[in-house]
Amino acid sequence: MNKNDLIDAISRHADISKAAAGRALDATMQSIKGSLKKGDIVTLVGFGSFYVGRRTARAGRNPRTGDTIRIPPAKVPKFRAGKALKDELK
């Protein structure tokens, strides 16, 4: 499912126009991104939680040359599925 498919599904289930569904989806995604940038956890009860994880600096290897390179630390978005979502998939 891609973004357009999701907008179509929201439009059908909520009985709203595709334009309104697109704006609602965009607003939701912007809100989640904004919260993650601030370091907050976004929890959707029954669905799951979005949070920011941290990767430590580590040594890597350039596959082309074989040289050792330093990979810097990074913040990465993560998602942890909630119990209800996990149970739904069984």
N, C-alpha and C. Protein backbone atom coordinates (compact mmCIF):
# COMPACT_ATOMS: atom_id res chain seq x y z
N MET A 1 0.86 -1.17 0.00
CA MET A 1 0.00 0.00 0.00
C MET A 1 0.90 1.23 0.00
N ASN A 2 0.63 2.17 -0.90
CA ASN A 2 1.38 3.40 -0.93
C ASN A 2 0.51 4.54 -0.40
N LYS A 3 1.04 5.75 -0.43
CA LYS A 3 0.34 6.90 0.15
C LYS A 3 -1.01 7.13 -0.54
N ASN A 4 -1.06 7.03 -1.87
CA ASN A 4 -2.32 7.24 -2.57
C ASN A 4 -3.36 6.19 -2.20
N ASP A 5 -2.93 4.94 -2.05
CA ASP A 5 -3.85 3.88 -1.62
C ASP A 5 -4.38 4.16 -0.22
N LEU A 6 -3.51 4.65 0.66
CA LEU A 6 -3.92 4.98 2.02
C LEU A 6 -4.92 6.13 2.02
N ILE A 7 -4.69 7.14 1.19
CA ILE A 7 -5.62 8.26 1.09
C ILE A 7 -6.98 7.77 0.60
N ASP A 8 -6.99 6.89 -0.39
CA ASP A 8 -8.24 6.32 -0.89
C ASP A 8 -8.99 5.57 0.22
N ALA A 9 -8.26 4.77 0.99
CA ALA A 9 -8.88 4.01 2.08
C ALA A 9 -9.44 4.94 3.15
N ILE A 10 -8.70 5.96 3.52
CA ILE A 10 -9.18 6.93 4.53
C ILE A 10 -10.43 7.61 4.01
N SER A 11 -10.42 8.00 2.75
CA SER A 11 -11.56 8.67 2.13
C SER A 11 -12.81 7.79 2.18
N ARG A 12 -12.66 6.52 1.83
CA ARG A 12 -13.81 5.60 1.85
C ARG A 12 -14.32 5.36 3.27
N HIS A 13 -13.41 5.05 4.21
CA HIS A 13 -13.82 4.68 5.57
C HIS A 13 -14.38 5.86 6.36
N ALA A 14 -13.86 7.07 6.13
CA ALA A 14 -14.31 8.24 6.88
C ALA A 14 -15.39 9.01 6.13
N ASP A 15 -15.71 8.57 4.91
CA ASP A 15 -16.73 9.23 4.08
C ASP A 15 -16.41 10.72 3.90
N ILE A 16 -15.16 11.00 3.51
CA ILE A 16 -14.73 12.37 3.22
C ILE A 16 -14.08 12.38 1.84
N SER A 17 -13.84 13.57 1.31
CA SER A 17 -13.22 13.66 -0.01
C SER A 17 -11.76 13.21 0.05
N LYS A 18 -11.23 12.86 -1.13
CA LYS A 18 -9.83 12.45 -1.19
C LYS A 18 -8.91 13.61 -0.81
N ALA A 19 -9.31 14.84 -1.17
CA ALA A 19 -8.49 16.01 -0.83
C ALA A 19 -8.43 16.18 0.68
N ALA A 20 -9.57 16.03 1.35
CA ALA A 20 -9.60 16.16 2.81
C ALA A 20 -8.82 15.03 3.47
N ALA A 21 -8.94 13.83 2.92
CA ALA A 21 -8.19 12.69 3.47
C ALA A 21 -6.69 12.91 3.30
N GLY A 22 -6.28 13.46 2.16
CA GLY A 22 -4.86 13.75 1.93
C GLY A 22 -4.33 14.78 2.90
N ARG A 23 -5.13 15.83 3.15
CA ARG A 23 -4.71 16.87 4.10
C ARG A 23 -4.63 16.28 5.51
N ALA A 24 -5.57 15.41 5.87
CA ALA A 24 -5.55 14.79 7.20
C ALA A 24 -4.32 13.90 7.37
N LEU A 25 -4.01 13.13 6.34
CA LEU A 25 -2.83 12.25 6.41
C LEU A 25 -1.55 13.07 6.50
N ASP A 26 -1.45 14.12 5.68
CA ASP A 26 -0.27 14.99 5.72
C ASP A 26 -0.11 15.65 7.09
N ALA A 27 -1.23 16.11 7.67
CA ALA A 27 -1.17 16.74 8.99
C ALA A 27 -0.74 15.74 10.05
N THR A 28 -1.22 14.51 9.94
CA THR A 28 -0.84 13.47 10.90
C THR A 28 0.66 13.18 10.81
N MET A 29 1.16 13.03 9.58
CA MET A 29 2.58 12.73 9.40
C MET A 29 3.45 13.89 9.88
N GLN A 30 3.05 15.12 9.62
CA GLN A 30 3.81 16.29 10.08
C GLN A 30 3.83 16.35 11.61
N SER A 31 2.71 16.03 12.23
CA SER A 31 2.65 16.04 13.70
C SER A 31 3.57 14.99 14.30
N ILE A 32 3.58 13.80 13.70
CA ILE A 32 4.45 12.73 14.19
C ILE A 32 5.91 13.14 14.01
N LYS A 33 6.27 13.67 12.85
CA LYS A 33 7.65 14.11 12.60
C LYS A 33 8.06 15.19 13.58
N GLY A 34 7.18 16.16 13.82
CA GLY A 34 7.49 17.25 14.75
C GLY A 34 7.74 16.75 16.15
N SER A 35 6.91 15.80 16.59
CA SER A 35 7.09 15.24 17.93
C SER A 35 8.39 14.47 18.04
N LEU A 36 8.73 13.70 17.00
CA LEU A 36 9.98 12.93 17.02
C LEU A 36 11.19 13.86 17.01
N LYS A 37 11.11 14.97 16.28
CA LYS A 37 12.23 15.93 16.27
C LYS A 37 12.47 16.49 17.65
N LYS A 38 11.41 16.66 18.45
CA LYS A 38 11.55 17.16 19.81
C LYS A 38 11.99 16.07 20.78
N GLY A 39 12.04 14.84 20.32
CA GLY A 39 12.46 13.74 21.18
C GLY A 39 11.32 13.06 21.91
N ASP A 40 10.09 13.40 21.55
CA ASP A 40 8.92 12.79 22.20
C ASP A 40 8.63 11.42 21.60
N ILE A 41 7.86 10.63 22.33
CA ILE A 41 7.37 9.35 21.86
C ILE A 41 5.91 9.57 21.44
N VAL A 42 5.54 9.08 20.27
CA VAL A 42 4.16 9.19 19.80
C VAL A 42 3.52 7.82 19.95
N THR A 43 2.53 7.72 20.84
CA THR A 43 1.88 6.45 21.12
C THR A 43 0.44 6.49 20.62
N LEU A 44 0.10 5.55 19.75
CA LEU A 44 -1.26 5.38 19.27
C LEU A 44 -1.76 4.08 19.90
N VAL A 45 -2.57 4.20 20.93
CA VAL A 45 -3.02 3.04 21.70
C VAL A 45 -3.70 2.04 20.76
N GLY A 46 -3.30 0.79 20.87
CA GLY A 46 -3.84 -0.26 20.04
C GLY A 46 -3.11 -0.42 18.71
N PHE A 47 -2.27 0.54 18.35
CA PHE A 47 -1.52 0.46 17.09
C PHE A 47 -0.04 0.30 17.35
N GLY A 48 0.56 1.27 18.06
CA GLY A 48 1.98 1.19 18.35
C GLY A 48 2.57 2.52 18.73
N SER A 49 3.89 2.56 18.85
CA SER A 49 4.61 3.77 19.25
C SER A 49 5.74 4.08 18.28
N PHE A 50 5.86 5.35 17.95
CA PHE A 50 6.98 5.85 17.17
C PHE A 50 7.93 6.51 18.16
N TYR A 51 9.23 6.27 18.02
CA TYR A 51 10.20 6.89 18.91
C TYR A 51 11.53 7.04 18.18
N VAL A 52 12.43 7.79 18.79
CA VAL A 52 13.75 8.01 18.19
C VAL A 52 14.76 7.11 18.90
N GLY A 53 15.46 6.30 18.12
CA GLY A 53 16.51 5.45 18.64
C GLY A 53 17.86 6.07 18.33
N ARG A 54 18.89 5.60 19.01
CA ARG A 54 20.23 6.13 18.77
C ARG A 54 21.15 4.99 18.35
N ARG A 55 21.94 5.28 17.34
CA ARG A 55 22.99 4.35 16.92
C ARG A 55 24.32 4.94 17.35
N THR A 56 25.14 4.15 17.97
CA THR A 56 26.45 4.63 18.41
C THR A 56 27.41 4.66 17.22
N ALA A 57 28.47 5.40 17.37
CA ALA A 57 29.51 5.44 16.34
C ALA A 57 30.16 4.06 16.27
N ARG A 58 30.55 3.69 15.08
CA ARG A 58 31.17 2.37 14.94
C ARG A 58 32.11 2.37 13.75
N ALA A 59 32.90 1.35 13.69
CA ALA A 59 33.82 1.21 12.57
C ALA A 59 33.15 0.37 11.50
N GLY A 60 33.34 0.75 10.25
CA GLY A 60 32.79 0.02 9.13
C GLY A 60 33.88 -0.23 8.12
N ARG A 61 33.49 -0.82 6.99
CA ARG A 61 34.47 -1.13 5.98
C ARG A 61 33.90 -0.75 4.62
N ASN A 62 34.69 -0.03 3.83
CA ASN A 62 34.30 0.32 2.48
C ASN A 62 34.38 -0.95 1.65
N PRO A 63 33.27 -1.44 1.10
CA PRO A 63 33.31 -2.71 0.38
C PRO A 63 34.12 -2.64 -0.92
N ARG A 64 34.24 -1.48 -1.49
CA ARG A 64 34.98 -1.34 -2.75
C ARG A 64 36.49 -1.39 -2.53
N THR A 65 36.96 -0.66 -1.49
CA THR A 65 38.41 -0.56 -1.28
C THR A 65 38.91 -1.41 -0.11
N GLY A 66 38.00 -1.79 0.80
CA GLY A 66 38.41 -2.55 1.96
C GLY A 66 38.94 -1.69 3.09
N ASP A 67 39.00 -0.37 2.88
CA ASP A 67 39.48 0.55 3.92
C ASP A 67 38.49 0.61 5.08
N THR A 68 39.04 0.78 6.28
CA THR A 68 38.20 0.98 7.46
C THR A 68 37.71 2.43 7.48
N ILE A 69 36.42 2.60 7.73
CA ILE A 69 35.86 3.95 7.82
C ILE A 69 35.13 4.09 9.16
N ARG A 70 34.96 5.33 9.59
CA ARG A 70 34.23 5.60 10.82
C ARG A 70 32.81 5.99 10.46
N ILE A 71 31.85 5.29 11.02
CA ILE A 71 30.45 5.61 10.80
C ILE A 71 30.00 6.43 12.02
N PRO A 72 29.54 7.66 11.80
CA PRO A 72 29.20 8.54 12.92
C PRO A 72 27.92 8.09 13.64
N PRO A 73 27.73 8.56 14.87
CA PRO A 73 26.48 8.23 15.58
C PRO A 73 25.30 8.85 14.83
N ALA A 74 24.11 8.27 15.02
CA ALA A 74 22.93 8.77 14.32
C ALA A 74 21.68 8.57 15.16
N LYS A 75 20.70 9.42 14.91
CA LYS A 75 19.36 9.25 15.47
C LYS A 75 18.51 8.65 14.37
N VAL A 76 17.76 7.60 14.70
CA VAL A 76 16.95 6.92 13.69
C VAL A 76 15.52 6.75 14.20
N PRO A 77 14.53 6.93 13.32
CA PRO A 77 13.14 6.71 13.74
C PRO A 77 12.88 5.22 13.87
N LYS A 78 12.10 4.87 14.89
CA LYS A 78 11.77 3.46 15.11
C LYS A 78 10.28 3.35 15.42
N PHE A 79 9.74 2.15 15.21
CA PHE A 79 8.34 1.88 15.48
C PHE A 79 8.24 0.57 16.24
N ARG A 80 7.45 0.57 17.29
CA ARG A 80 7.21 -0.64 18.07
C ARG A 80 5.71 -0.91 18.01
N ALA A 81 5.32 -2.05 17.43
CA ALA A 81 3.91 -2.39 17.29
C ALA A 81 3.27 -2.66 18.65
N GLY A 82 2.03 -2.23 18.80
CA GLY A 82 1.28 -2.47 20.03
C GLY A 82 0.70 -3.87 20.07
N LYS A 83 0.22 -4.26 21.23
CA LYS A 83 -0.30 -5.61 21.42
C LYS A 83 -1.49 -5.88 20.51
N ALA A 84 -2.41 -4.92 20.40
CA ALA A 84 -3.60 -5.13 19.58
C ALA A 84 -3.23 -5.34 18.11
N LEU A 85 -2.25 -4.62 17.60
CA LEU A 85 -1.80 -4.80 16.22
C LEU A 85 -1.14 -6.16 16.05
N LYS A 86 -0.33 -6.54 17.00
CA LYS A 86 0.32 -7.86 16.94
C LYS A 86 -0.70 -8.97 16.95
N ASP A 87 -1.71 -8.84 17.82
CA ASP A 87 -2.76 -9.86 17.91
C ASP A 87 -3.58 -9.93 16.64
N GLU A 88 -3.79 -8.81 15.99
CA GLU A 88 -4.56 -8.74 14.75
C GLU A 88 -3.86 -9.51 13.63
N LEU A 89 -2.55 -9.59 13.67
CA LEU A 89 -1.78 -10.23 12.61
C LEU A 89 -1.57 -11.73 12.81
N LYS A 90 -2.02 -12.25 13.93
CA LYS A 90 -1.83 -13.69 14.20
C LYS A 90 -2.76 -14.52 13.37
